[in-house]
Amino acid sequence: MINYNKIFLQRNRTESFITHYSLLILVAMLLLTACGYKPSSQLIKNVFSDTVYVEVMVDRVEPENAPFVKDEMNRLIYTRFKGRVTSKEKAQSQIRISYAGSSFYPLAYENGYVTRYRANIKVRFDMVTKDGKLSKKITSRVESDIQASSLTSSALRTEAIRQGLAKALDEFLAYVSAKGMLKSEQVSGSK
């Protein structure tokens, strides 16, 4: 009798788990489809066309960051916009990215040396879209620890700038997605 109860309880647990798991998936699907959820790539298409030209203005002080910004923006266009990067002549939309410099502020000291800092990275985005021209200035902040060695400090500085540029690009995509959402609401509201 005891063995029969163990088998019965084990089978009920498995069936119960499957039932709960299926119910959870059903509720998640219902919430995502019922609330009118649209991925940001769909909203971005309300602002940008499928073909985009990306131009990165090279900063004379730190020219090594230009290829990083260009590659990262191209990757984001492919993965998030679901668009294509093309030449200026073939593009229906354009993005010009200008790295406007960085500033570093000490946050913590140890024995007179800076051990933690904040980097402020300034980036300007100029866009030519379906609806005209848009501009957006973004300042991203990155906080990081620093070591006493000047060689590592230089590498950490470059890494902080790249992290800040990546954050600025993500913030730019969020901005464009919000613009696309507003445009889609205006279009659906006027119908």
N, C-alpha and C. Protein backbone atom coordinates (compact mmCIF):
# COMPACT_ATOMS: atom_id res chain seq x y z
N MET A 1 0.82 -1.18 0.00
CA MET A 1 0.00 0.00 0.00
C MET A 1 0.86 1.25 0.00
N ILE A 2 1.96 1.23 0.72
CA ILE A 2 2.85 2.40 0.80
C ILE A 2 3.47 2.69 -0.56
N ASN A 3 3.90 1.66 -1.27
CA ASN A 3 4.49 1.86 -2.60
C ASN A 3 3.49 2.47 -3.56
N TYR A 4 2.24 2.03 -3.46
CA TYR A 4 1.20 2.57 -4.31
C TYR A 4 0.98 4.06 -4.05
N ASN A 5 1.02 4.47 -2.79
CA ASN A 5 0.86 5.89 -2.44
C ASN A 5 2.03 6.73 -2.97
N LYS A 6 3.25 6.20 -2.87
CA LYS A 6 4.42 6.93 -3.38
C LYS A 6 4.31 7.15 -4.89
N ILE A 7 3.94 6.13 -5.60
CA ILE A 7 3.81 6.23 -7.06
C ILE A 7 2.70 7.22 -7.40
N PHE A 8 1.57 7.11 -6.69
CA PHE A 8 0.44 8.00 -6.92
C PHE A 8 0.83 9.46 -6.67
N LEU A 9 1.54 9.72 -5.54
CA LEU A 9 1.96 11.09 -5.22
C LEU A 9 2.97 11.62 -6.23
N GLN A 10 3.89 10.77 -6.65
CA GLN A 10 4.90 11.19 -7.62
C GLN A 10 4.23 11.56 -8.95
N ARG A 11 3.29 10.74 -9.40
CA ARG A 11 2.60 11.00 -10.66
C ARG A 11 1.76 12.28 -10.55
N ASN A 12 1.14 12.51 -9.40
CA ASN A 12 0.34 13.71 -9.21
C ASN A 12 1.21 14.96 -9.20
N ARG A 13 2.40 14.86 -8.62
CA ARG A 13 3.32 16.02 -8.62
C ARG A 13 3.72 16.38 -10.04
N THR A 14 4.06 15.38 -10.83
CA THR A 14 4.46 15.63 -12.21
C THR A 14 3.31 16.24 -13.00
N GLU A 15 2.13 15.67 -12.86
CA GLU A 15 0.97 16.22 -13.57
C GLU A 15 0.65 17.62 -13.07
N SER A 16 0.77 17.84 -11.79
CA SER A 16 0.51 19.15 -11.22
C SER A 16 1.52 20.18 -11.75
N PHE A 17 2.79 19.79 -11.82
CA PHE A 17 3.82 20.69 -12.33
C PHE A 17 3.53 21.05 -13.79
N ILE A 18 3.19 20.06 -14.60
CA ILE A 18 2.90 20.30 -16.02
C ILE A 18 1.69 21.21 -16.16
N THR A 19 0.67 20.98 -15.36
CA THR A 19 -0.53 21.81 -15.41
C THR A 19 -0.21 23.25 -15.03
N HIS A 20 0.54 23.43 -13.94
CA HIS A 20 0.89 24.79 -13.51
C HIS A 20 1.79 25.49 -14.52
N TYR A 21 2.73 24.77 -15.05
CA TYR A 21 3.65 25.32 -16.03
C TYR A 21 2.88 25.74 -17.29
N SER A 22 1.97 24.90 -17.76
CA SER A 22 1.16 25.22 -18.94
C SER A 22 0.29 26.44 -18.67
N LEU A 23 -0.28 26.50 -17.47
CA LEU A 23 -1.12 27.64 -17.10
C LEU A 23 -0.30 28.93 -17.07
N LEU A 24 0.91 28.86 -16.55
CA LEU A 24 1.79 30.02 -16.50
C LEU A 24 2.13 30.51 -17.91
N ILE A 25 2.43 29.61 -18.81
CA ILE A 25 2.74 29.98 -20.19
C ILE A 25 1.51 30.61 -20.85
N LEU A 26 0.35 30.05 -20.61
CA LEU A 26 -0.88 30.58 -21.18
C LEU A 26 -1.15 32.00 -20.69
N VAL A 27 -0.96 32.24 -19.41
CA VAL A 27 -1.17 33.58 -18.84
C VAL A 27 -0.16 34.58 -19.42
N ALA A 28 1.10 34.16 -19.54
CA ALA A 28 2.12 35.04 -20.12
C ALA A 28 1.79 35.39 -21.56
N MET A 29 1.39 34.42 -22.33
CA MET A 29 1.02 34.67 -23.74
C MET A 29 -0.18 35.60 -23.82
N LEU A 30 -1.14 35.38 -22.96
CA LEU A 30 -2.34 36.21 -22.95
C LEU A 30 -2.00 37.66 -22.60
N LEU A 31 -1.13 37.85 -21.61
CA LEU A 31 -0.74 39.20 -21.21
C LEU A 31 0.01 39.92 -22.33
N LEU A 32 0.93 39.21 -22.97
CA LEU A 32 1.72 39.84 -24.02
C LEU A 32 0.89 40.17 -25.25
N THR A 33 -0.07 39.35 -25.58
CA THR A 33 -0.86 39.63 -26.78
C THR A 33 -2.04 40.54 -26.48
N ALA A 34 -2.58 40.47 -25.29
CA ALA A 34 -3.77 41.26 -24.97
C ALA A 34 -3.44 42.73 -24.71
N CYS A 35 -2.24 43.01 -24.26
CA CYS A 35 -1.92 44.39 -23.91
C CYS A 35 -1.41 45.19 -25.11
N GLY A 36 -1.35 44.59 -26.28
CA GLY A 36 -0.90 45.32 -27.46
C GLY A 36 0.60 45.48 -27.52
N TYR A 37 1.33 44.58 -26.90
CA TYR A 37 2.80 44.65 -26.88
C TYR A 37 3.35 44.59 -28.30
N LYS A 38 4.27 45.49 -28.58
CA LYS A 38 4.99 45.46 -29.85
C LYS A 38 6.47 45.56 -29.52
N PRO A 39 7.30 44.77 -30.18
CA PRO A 39 8.73 44.88 -29.94
C PRO A 39 9.27 46.23 -30.40
N SER A 40 10.35 46.68 -29.78
CA SER A 40 10.90 48.00 -30.11
C SER A 40 11.33 48.09 -31.57
N SER A 41 11.72 46.95 -32.17
CA SER A 41 12.12 47.00 -33.58
C SER A 41 10.95 47.42 -34.48
N GLN A 42 9.72 47.06 -34.09
CA GLN A 42 8.56 47.49 -34.86
C GLN A 42 8.30 48.98 -34.68
N LEU A 43 8.51 49.48 -33.45
CA LEU A 43 8.29 50.90 -33.18
C LEU A 43 9.34 51.77 -33.86
N ILE A 44 10.57 51.28 -33.90
CA ILE A 44 11.66 52.03 -34.53
C ILE A 44 11.39 52.20 -36.03
N LYS A 45 10.73 51.21 -36.64
CA LYS A 45 10.43 51.30 -38.07
C LYS A 45 9.44 52.41 -38.38
N ASN A 46 8.72 52.90 -37.35
CA ASN A 46 7.84 54.05 -37.56
C ASN A 46 8.64 55.34 -37.76
N VAL A 47 9.91 55.32 -37.34
CA VAL A 47 10.77 56.50 -37.45
C VAL A 47 11.77 56.34 -38.59
N PHE A 48 12.45 55.18 -38.63
CA PHE A 48 13.49 54.95 -39.63
C PHE A 48 13.01 54.01 -40.72
N SER A 49 13.58 54.18 -41.89
CA SER A 49 13.32 53.26 -43.01
C SER A 49 14.20 52.03 -42.83
N ASP A 50 14.03 51.08 -43.75
CA ASP A 50 14.80 49.84 -43.66
C ASP A 50 16.28 50.04 -43.98
N THR A 51 16.60 51.03 -44.81
CA THR A 51 17.98 51.28 -45.18
C THR A 51 18.49 52.52 -44.45
N VAL A 52 19.62 52.36 -43.77
CA VAL A 52 20.15 53.43 -42.93
C VAL A 52 21.63 53.64 -43.26
N TYR A 53 22.01 54.89 -43.35
CA TYR A 53 23.42 55.25 -43.51
C TYR A 53 23.92 55.77 -42.16
N VAL A 54 25.06 55.24 -41.72
CA VAL A 54 25.63 55.64 -40.43
C VAL A 54 26.95 56.36 -40.69
N GLU A 55 27.06 57.56 -40.14
CA GLU A 55 28.29 58.34 -40.24
C GLU A 55 28.76 58.68 -38.84
N VAL A 56 30.02 58.40 -38.57
CA VAL A 56 30.59 58.70 -37.26
C VAL A 56 31.62 59.80 -37.44
N MET A 57 31.40 60.90 -36.75
CA MET A 57 32.36 62.01 -36.79
C MET A 57 33.51 61.66 -35.85
N VAL A 58 34.72 61.66 -36.37
CA VAL A 58 35.89 61.26 -35.61
C VAL A 58 36.35 62.40 -34.70
N ASP A 59 36.55 62.07 -33.45
CA ASP A 59 37.06 63.02 -32.47
C ASP A 59 38.59 63.06 -32.59
N ARG A 60 39.16 64.25 -32.73
CA ARG A 60 40.62 64.38 -32.90
C ARG A 60 41.38 63.94 -31.65
N VAL A 61 40.77 64.11 -30.49
CA VAL A 61 41.45 63.76 -29.24
C VAL A 61 41.51 62.26 -29.05
N GLU A 62 40.42 61.56 -29.37
CA GLU A 62 40.35 60.11 -29.16
C GLU A 62 39.82 59.42 -30.42
N PRO A 63 40.59 59.38 -31.50
CA PRO A 63 40.10 58.80 -32.75
C PRO A 63 39.92 57.28 -32.69
N GLU A 64 40.52 56.61 -31.70
CA GLU A 64 40.44 55.15 -31.62
C GLU A 64 39.02 54.66 -31.30
N ASN A 65 38.14 55.55 -30.84
CA ASN A 65 36.78 55.14 -30.49
C ASN A 65 35.82 55.17 -31.68
N ALA A 66 36.18 55.81 -32.76
CA ALA A 66 35.29 55.92 -33.94
C ALA A 66 34.94 54.55 -34.54
N PRO A 67 35.92 53.66 -34.76
CA PRO A 67 35.54 52.34 -35.32
C PRO A 67 34.62 51.56 -34.38
N PHE A 68 34.84 51.68 -33.08
CA PHE A 68 33.99 51.00 -32.11
C PHE A 68 32.55 51.49 -32.23
N VAL A 69 32.36 52.81 -32.28
CA VAL A 69 31.01 53.39 -32.37
C VAL A 69 30.34 52.96 -33.67
N LYS A 70 31.06 53.01 -34.77
CA LYS A 70 30.52 52.64 -36.08
C LYS A 70 30.09 51.17 -36.08
N ASP A 71 30.97 50.29 -35.61
CA ASP A 71 30.65 48.86 -35.58
C ASP A 71 29.47 48.57 -34.66
N GLU A 72 29.44 49.21 -33.51
CA GLU A 72 28.35 48.99 -32.55
C GLU A 72 27.02 49.49 -33.11
N MET A 73 27.03 50.64 -33.75
CA MET A 73 25.79 51.17 -34.33
C MET A 73 25.31 50.28 -35.48
N ASN A 74 26.22 49.81 -36.32
CA ASN A 74 25.85 48.90 -37.40
C ASN A 74 25.23 47.62 -36.83
N ARG A 75 25.82 47.09 -35.76
CA ARG A 75 25.30 45.89 -35.13
C ARG A 75 23.89 46.14 -34.59
N LEU A 76 23.68 47.29 -33.96
CA LEU A 76 22.36 47.61 -33.42
C LEU A 76 21.32 47.78 -34.52
N ILE A 77 21.72 48.33 -35.65
CA ILE A 77 20.78 48.47 -36.77
C ILE A 77 20.36 47.10 -37.28
N TYR A 78 21.32 46.18 -37.38
CA TYR A 78 20.99 44.83 -37.84
C TYR A 78 20.13 44.08 -36.82
N THR A 79 20.49 44.17 -35.54
CA THR A 79 19.83 43.35 -34.54
C THR A 79 18.56 43.98 -33.99
N ARG A 80 18.52 45.28 -33.79
CA ARG A 80 17.36 45.91 -33.17
C ARG A 80 16.42 46.58 -34.17
N PHE A 81 16.98 47.25 -35.18
CA PHE A 81 16.14 47.90 -36.18
C PHE A 81 15.62 46.88 -37.18
N LYS A 82 16.35 45.78 -37.32
CA LYS A 82 16.09 44.80 -38.39
C LYS A 82 16.23 45.49 -39.74
N GLY A 83 17.20 46.40 -39.81
CA GLY A 83 17.43 47.17 -41.03
C GLY A 83 18.76 46.81 -41.67
N ARG A 84 19.10 47.57 -42.70
CA ARG A 84 20.35 47.35 -43.43
C ARG A 84 21.13 48.66 -43.47
N VAL A 85 22.43 48.55 -43.30
CA VAL A 85 23.31 49.70 -43.43
C VAL A 85 23.74 49.76 -44.90
N THR A 86 23.54 50.93 -45.50
CA THR A 86 23.87 51.09 -46.92
C THR A 86 24.67 52.37 -47.13
N SER A 87 24.98 52.64 -48.37
CA SER A 87 25.70 53.87 -48.71
C SER A 87 24.77 55.07 -48.55
N LYS A 88 25.35 56.24 -48.52
CA LYS A 88 24.56 57.46 -48.32
C LYS A 88 23.57 57.68 -49.46
N GLU A 89 23.95 57.31 -50.67
CA GLU A 89 23.09 57.51 -51.82
C GLU A 89 21.86 56.59 -51.80
N LYS A 90 22.01 55.39 -51.29
CA LYS A 90 20.91 54.41 -51.29
C LYS A 90 20.05 54.47 -50.04
N ALA A 91 20.54 55.13 -49.00
CA ALA A 91 19.84 55.12 -47.71
C ALA A 91 18.63 56.04 -47.72
N GLN A 92 17.57 55.58 -47.04
CA GLN A 92 16.38 56.38 -46.88
C GLN A 92 16.41 57.14 -45.56
N SER A 93 17.24 56.69 -44.62
CA SER A 93 17.43 57.37 -43.33
C SER A 93 18.93 57.49 -43.07
N GLN A 94 19.30 58.49 -42.27
CA GLN A 94 20.71 58.70 -41.94
C GLN A 94 20.87 58.98 -40.45
N ILE A 95 21.97 58.50 -39.91
CA ILE A 95 22.32 58.80 -38.52
C ILE A 95 23.76 59.30 -38.51
N ARG A 96 23.96 60.47 -37.95
CA ARG A 96 25.31 61.01 -37.77
C ARG A 96 25.58 61.02 -36.27
N ILE A 97 26.67 60.37 -35.87
CA ILE A 97 27.03 60.27 -34.47
C ILE A 97 28.31 61.07 -34.24
N SER A 98 28.25 62.02 -33.31
CA SER A 98 29.41 62.83 -32.98
C SER A 98 29.78 62.58 -31.52
N TYR A 99 30.97 62.10 -31.30
CA TYR A 99 31.49 61.91 -29.95
C TYR A 99 31.97 63.28 -29.49
N ALA A 100 31.33 63.82 -28.46
CA ALA A 100 31.62 65.19 -28.03
C ALA A 100 32.55 65.25 -26.83
N GLY A 101 33.28 64.21 -26.56
CA GLY A 101 34.26 64.23 -25.49
C GLY A 101 33.80 63.54 -24.22
N SER A 102 34.75 63.47 -23.28
CA SER A 102 34.47 62.82 -22.01
C SER A 102 35.14 63.62 -20.89
N SER A 103 34.58 63.47 -19.72
CA SER A 103 35.19 64.09 -18.54
C SER A 103 35.19 63.07 -17.42
N PHE A 104 36.23 63.11 -16.60
CA PHE A 104 36.39 62.14 -15.52
C PHE A 104 36.41 62.88 -14.20
N TYR A 105 35.64 62.35 -13.24
CA TYR A 105 35.54 62.96 -11.91
C TYR A 105 35.88 61.92 -10.85
N PRO A 106 36.80 62.25 -9.95
CA PRO A 106 37.13 61.29 -8.88
C PRO A 106 35.97 61.15 -7.89
N LEU A 107 35.73 59.92 -7.45
CA LEU A 107 34.67 59.66 -6.48
C LEU A 107 35.22 59.19 -5.14
N ALA A 108 36.37 58.50 -5.16
CA ALA A 108 36.93 57.99 -3.91
C ALA A 108 38.46 58.04 -3.99
N TYR A 109 39.06 58.27 -2.84
CA TYR A 109 40.52 58.34 -2.73
C TYR A 109 40.99 57.33 -1.69
N GLU A 110 42.23 56.86 -1.89
CA GLU A 110 42.88 56.02 -0.90
C GLU A 110 44.36 56.40 -0.89
N ASN A 111 44.85 56.85 0.25
CA ASN A 111 46.24 57.31 0.40
C ASN A 111 46.58 58.39 -0.62
N GLY A 112 45.65 59.26 -0.91
CA GLY A 112 45.89 60.36 -1.84
C GLY A 112 45.70 60.02 -3.31
N TYR A 113 45.44 58.75 -3.62
CA TYR A 113 45.25 58.33 -5.01
C TYR A 113 43.76 58.08 -5.28
N VAL A 114 43.36 58.41 -6.49
CA VAL A 114 41.97 58.15 -6.89
C VAL A 114 41.78 56.64 -7.04
N THR A 115 40.74 56.10 -6.42
CA THR A 115 40.47 54.66 -6.53
C THR A 115 39.15 54.38 -7.24
N ARG A 116 38.30 55.38 -7.36
CA ARG A 116 37.03 55.22 -8.07
C ARG A 116 36.70 56.54 -8.76
N TYR A 117 36.19 56.45 -9.99
CA TYR A 117 35.89 57.65 -10.74
C TYR A 117 34.58 57.49 -11.50
N ARG A 118 34.07 58.60 -11.96
CA ARG A 118 32.90 58.63 -12.83
C ARG A 118 33.32 59.26 -14.14
N ALA A 119 32.95 58.61 -15.23
CA ALA A 119 33.20 59.15 -16.57
C ALA A 119 31.89 59.61 -17.17
N ASN A 120 31.85 60.84 -17.64
CA ASN A 120 30.69 61.37 -18.36
C ASN A 120 31.06 61.41 -19.84
N ILE A 121 30.29 60.71 -20.65
CA ILE A 121 30.56 60.61 -22.08
C ILE A 121 29.44 61.35 -22.81
N LYS A 122 29.82 62.30 -23.66
CA LYS A 122 28.82 63.10 -24.38
C LYS A 122 28.79 62.68 -25.85
N VAL A 123 27.57 62.39 -26.32
CA VAL A 123 27.39 61.96 -27.71
C VAL A 123 26.21 62.73 -28.30
N ARG A 124 26.34 63.14 -29.54
CA ARG A 124 25.24 63.83 -30.24
C ARG A 124 24.82 62.98 -31.43
N PHE A 125 23.52 62.79 -31.56
CA PHE A 125 22.94 62.04 -32.67
C PHE A 125 22.13 63.00 -33.53
N ASP A 126 22.46 63.09 -34.81
CA ASP A 126 21.67 63.84 -35.78
C ASP A 126 21.07 62.83 -36.74
N MET A 127 19.76 62.90 -36.90
CA MET A 127 19.07 61.89 -37.70
C MET A 127 18.27 62.56 -38.80
N VAL A 128 18.30 61.96 -39.97
CA VAL A 128 17.41 62.33 -41.04
C VAL A 128 16.50 61.12 -41.21
N THR A 129 15.20 61.32 -40.93
CA THR A 129 14.25 60.22 -40.92
C THR A 129 13.16 60.46 -41.96
N LYS A 130 12.16 59.60 -41.94
CA LYS A 130 11.01 59.74 -42.85
C LYS A 130 10.31 61.08 -42.65
N ASP A 131 10.32 61.58 -41.41
CA ASP A 131 9.56 62.79 -41.07
C ASP A 131 10.41 64.05 -41.00
N GLY A 132 11.67 63.97 -41.32
CA GLY A 132 12.51 65.16 -41.25
C GLY A 132 13.74 64.92 -40.40
N LYS A 133 14.23 66.00 -39.82
CA LYS A 133 15.47 65.93 -39.04
C LYS A 133 15.16 65.93 -37.55
N LEU A 134 15.96 65.14 -36.81
CA LEU A 134 15.90 65.08 -35.35
C LEU A 134 17.31 65.16 -34.80
N SER A 135 17.45 65.73 -33.64
CA SER A 135 18.75 65.75 -32.95
C SER A 135 18.54 65.33 -31.51
N LYS A 136 19.53 64.64 -30.98
CA LYS A 136 19.46 64.21 -29.58
C LYS A 136 20.87 64.20 -29.01
N LYS A 137 21.03 64.91 -27.89
CA LYS A 137 22.31 64.89 -27.16
C LYS A 137 22.13 63.98 -25.97
N ILE A 138 23.08 63.08 -25.79
CA ILE A 138 23.02 62.13 -24.68
C ILE A 138 24.33 62.18 -23.91
N THR A 139 24.22 62.25 -22.60
CA THR A 139 25.38 62.14 -21.73
C THR A 139 25.21 60.88 -20.91
N SER A 140 26.10 59.93 -21.10
CA SER A 140 26.01 58.69 -20.31
C SER A 140 27.09 58.73 -19.24
N ARG A 141 26.81 58.04 -18.15
CA ARG A 141 27.72 58.01 -17.02
C ARG A 141 28.15 56.58 -16.72
N VAL A 142 29.44 56.43 -16.47
CA VAL A 142 30.00 55.13 -16.12
C VAL A 142 30.86 55.33 -14.88
N GLU A 143 30.65 54.50 -13.87
CA GLU A 143 31.48 54.54 -12.67
C GLU A 143 32.33 53.29 -12.65
N SER A 144 33.60 53.47 -12.25
CA SER A 144 34.50 52.33 -12.25
C SER A 144 35.61 52.54 -11.24
N ASP A 145 36.20 51.43 -10.84
CA ASP A 145 37.37 51.47 -9.96
C ASP A 145 38.61 51.65 -10.82
N ILE A 146 39.66 52.17 -10.22
CA ILE A 146 40.90 52.41 -10.95
C ILE A 146 42.07 51.92 -10.11
N GLN A 147 43.12 51.46 -10.79
CA GLN A 147 44.30 50.95 -10.11
C GLN A 147 45.41 51.99 -10.19
N ALA A 148 46.44 51.79 -9.40
CA ALA A 148 47.52 52.77 -9.31
C ALA A 148 48.39 52.83 -10.57
N SER A 149 48.50 51.76 -11.34
CA SER A 149 49.36 51.71 -12.51
C SER A 149 48.82 52.62 -13.61
N SER A 150 49.70 53.40 -14.22
CA SER A 150 49.27 54.31 -15.28
C SER A 150 48.90 53.55 -16.55
N LEU A 151 49.54 52.40 -16.81
CA LEU A 151 49.20 51.61 -17.99
C LEU A 151 47.77 51.07 -17.89
N THR A 152 47.45 50.52 -16.74
CA THR A 152 46.08 50.01 -16.56
C THR A 152 45.09 51.16 -16.53
N SER A 153 45.48 52.29 -15.98
CA SER A 153 44.58 53.44 -15.92
C SER A 153 44.19 53.89 -17.32
N SER A 154 45.15 53.90 -18.23
CA SER A 154 44.87 54.29 -19.60
C SER A 154 43.92 53.31 -20.27
N ALA A 155 44.14 52.02 -20.05
CA ALA A 155 43.26 51.00 -20.62
C ALA A 155 41.87 51.10 -20.00
N LEU A 156 41.80 51.33 -18.68
CA LEU A 156 40.51 51.48 -18.01
C LEU A 156 39.77 52.72 -18.50
N ARG A 157 40.51 53.76 -18.79
CA ARG A 157 39.90 54.99 -19.32
C ARG A 157 39.24 54.72 -20.66
N THR A 158 39.96 54.04 -21.55
CA THR A 158 39.41 53.70 -22.86
C THR A 158 38.20 52.78 -22.70
N GLU A 159 38.27 51.82 -21.79
CA GLU A 159 37.15 50.91 -21.56
C GLU A 159 35.94 51.66 -21.01
N ALA A 160 36.17 52.62 -20.12
CA ALA A 160 35.07 53.42 -19.57
C ALA A 160 34.39 54.24 -20.68
N ILE A 161 35.19 54.79 -21.58
CA ILE A 161 34.63 55.56 -22.69
C ILE A 161 33.80 54.64 -23.58
N ARG A 162 34.29 53.45 -23.86
CA ARG A 162 33.53 52.52 -24.70
C ARG A 162 32.24 52.07 -24.03
N GLN A 163 32.28 51.83 -22.73
CA GLN A 163 31.06 51.47 -22.01
C GLN A 163 30.06 52.62 -22.06
N GLY A 164 30.57 53.84 -21.90
CA GLY A 164 29.70 55.01 -21.98
C GLY A 164 29.10 55.19 -23.36
N LEU A 165 29.89 54.95 -24.39
CA LEU A 165 29.38 55.05 -25.76
C LEU A 165 28.31 53.98 -26.02
N ALA A 166 28.54 52.77 -25.53
CA ALA A 166 27.55 51.70 -25.69
C ALA A 166 26.25 52.06 -24.97
N LYS A 167 26.37 52.64 -23.77
CA LYS A 167 25.17 53.06 -23.03
C LYS A 167 24.44 54.18 -23.78
N ALA A 168 25.19 55.09 -24.36
CA ALA A 168 24.58 56.18 -25.13
C ALA A 168 23.84 55.64 -26.34
N LEU A 169 24.41 54.65 -27.02
CA LEU A 169 23.74 54.05 -28.17
C LEU A 169 22.44 53.35 -27.74
N ASP A 170 22.48 52.65 -26.61
CA ASP A 170 21.26 52.01 -26.10
C ASP A 170 20.20 53.06 -25.74
N GLU A 171 20.64 54.14 -25.13
CA GLU A 171 19.70 55.21 -24.78
C GLU A 171 19.11 55.85 -26.04
N PHE A 172 19.92 55.99 -27.06
CA PHE A 172 19.45 56.51 -28.33
C PHE A 172 18.37 55.61 -28.93
N LEU A 173 18.59 54.30 -28.88
CA LEU A 173 17.58 53.37 -29.40
C LEU A 173 16.29 53.45 -28.60
N ALA A 174 16.40 53.62 -27.29
CA ALA A 174 15.20 53.78 -26.46
C ALA A 174 14.46 55.06 -26.86
N TYR A 175 15.21 56.11 -27.12
CA TYR A 175 14.62 57.38 -27.55
C TYR A 175 13.87 57.22 -28.87
N VAL A 176 14.52 56.57 -29.83
CA VAL A 176 13.91 56.37 -31.15
C VAL A 176 12.69 55.47 -31.03
N SER A 177 12.77 54.45 -30.18
CA SER A 177 11.64 53.56 -29.96
C SER A 177 10.45 54.33 -29.38
N ALA A 178 10.72 55.22 -28.42
CA ALA A 178 9.66 56.05 -27.84
C ALA A 178 9.05 56.97 -28.89
N LYS A 179 9.90 57.56 -29.74
CA LYS A 179 9.39 58.40 -30.83
C LYS A 179 8.49 57.58 -31.75
N GLY A 180 8.90 56.35 -32.04
CA GLY A 180 8.10 55.48 -32.89
C GLY A 180 6.77 55.12 -32.25
N MET A 181 6.77 54.93 -30.94
CA MET A 181 5.53 54.62 -30.24
C MET A 181 4.58 55.82 -30.29
N LEU A 182 5.13 57.02 -30.07
CA LEU A 182 4.29 58.22 -30.14
C LEU A 182 3.72 58.40 -31.54
N LYS A 183 4.53 58.13 -32.53
CA LYS A 183 4.06 58.28 -33.91
C LYS A 183 2.97 57.26 -34.20
N SER A 184 3.13 56.03 -33.72
CA SER A 184 2.13 54.99 -33.97
C SER A 184 0.83 55.32 -33.25
N GLU A 185 0.90 55.93 -32.07
CA GLU A 185 -0.31 56.34 -31.35
C GLU A 185 -1.00 57.49 -32.07
N GLN A 186 -0.22 58.42 -32.65
CA GLN A 186 -0.81 59.52 -33.41
C GLN A 186 -1.54 59.02 -34.65
N VAL A 187 -0.90 58.05 -35.32
CA VAL A 187 -1.51 57.49 -36.53
C VAL A 187 -2.78 56.74 -36.19
N SER A 188 -2.74 55.91 -35.12
CA SER A 188 -3.95 55.14 -34.76
C SER A 188 -5.02 56.04 -34.16
N GLY A 189 -4.63 57.16 -33.54
CA GLY A 189 -5.59 58.09 -32.97
C GLY A 189 -6.31 58.91 -34.03
N SER A 190 -5.66 59.12 -35.18
CA SER A 190 -6.27 59.93 -36.23
C SER A 190 -7.18 59.11 -37.13
N LYS A 191 -7.21 57.79 -36.96
CA LYS A 191 -8.06 56.95 -37.81
C LYS A 191 -9.49 56.96 -37.35
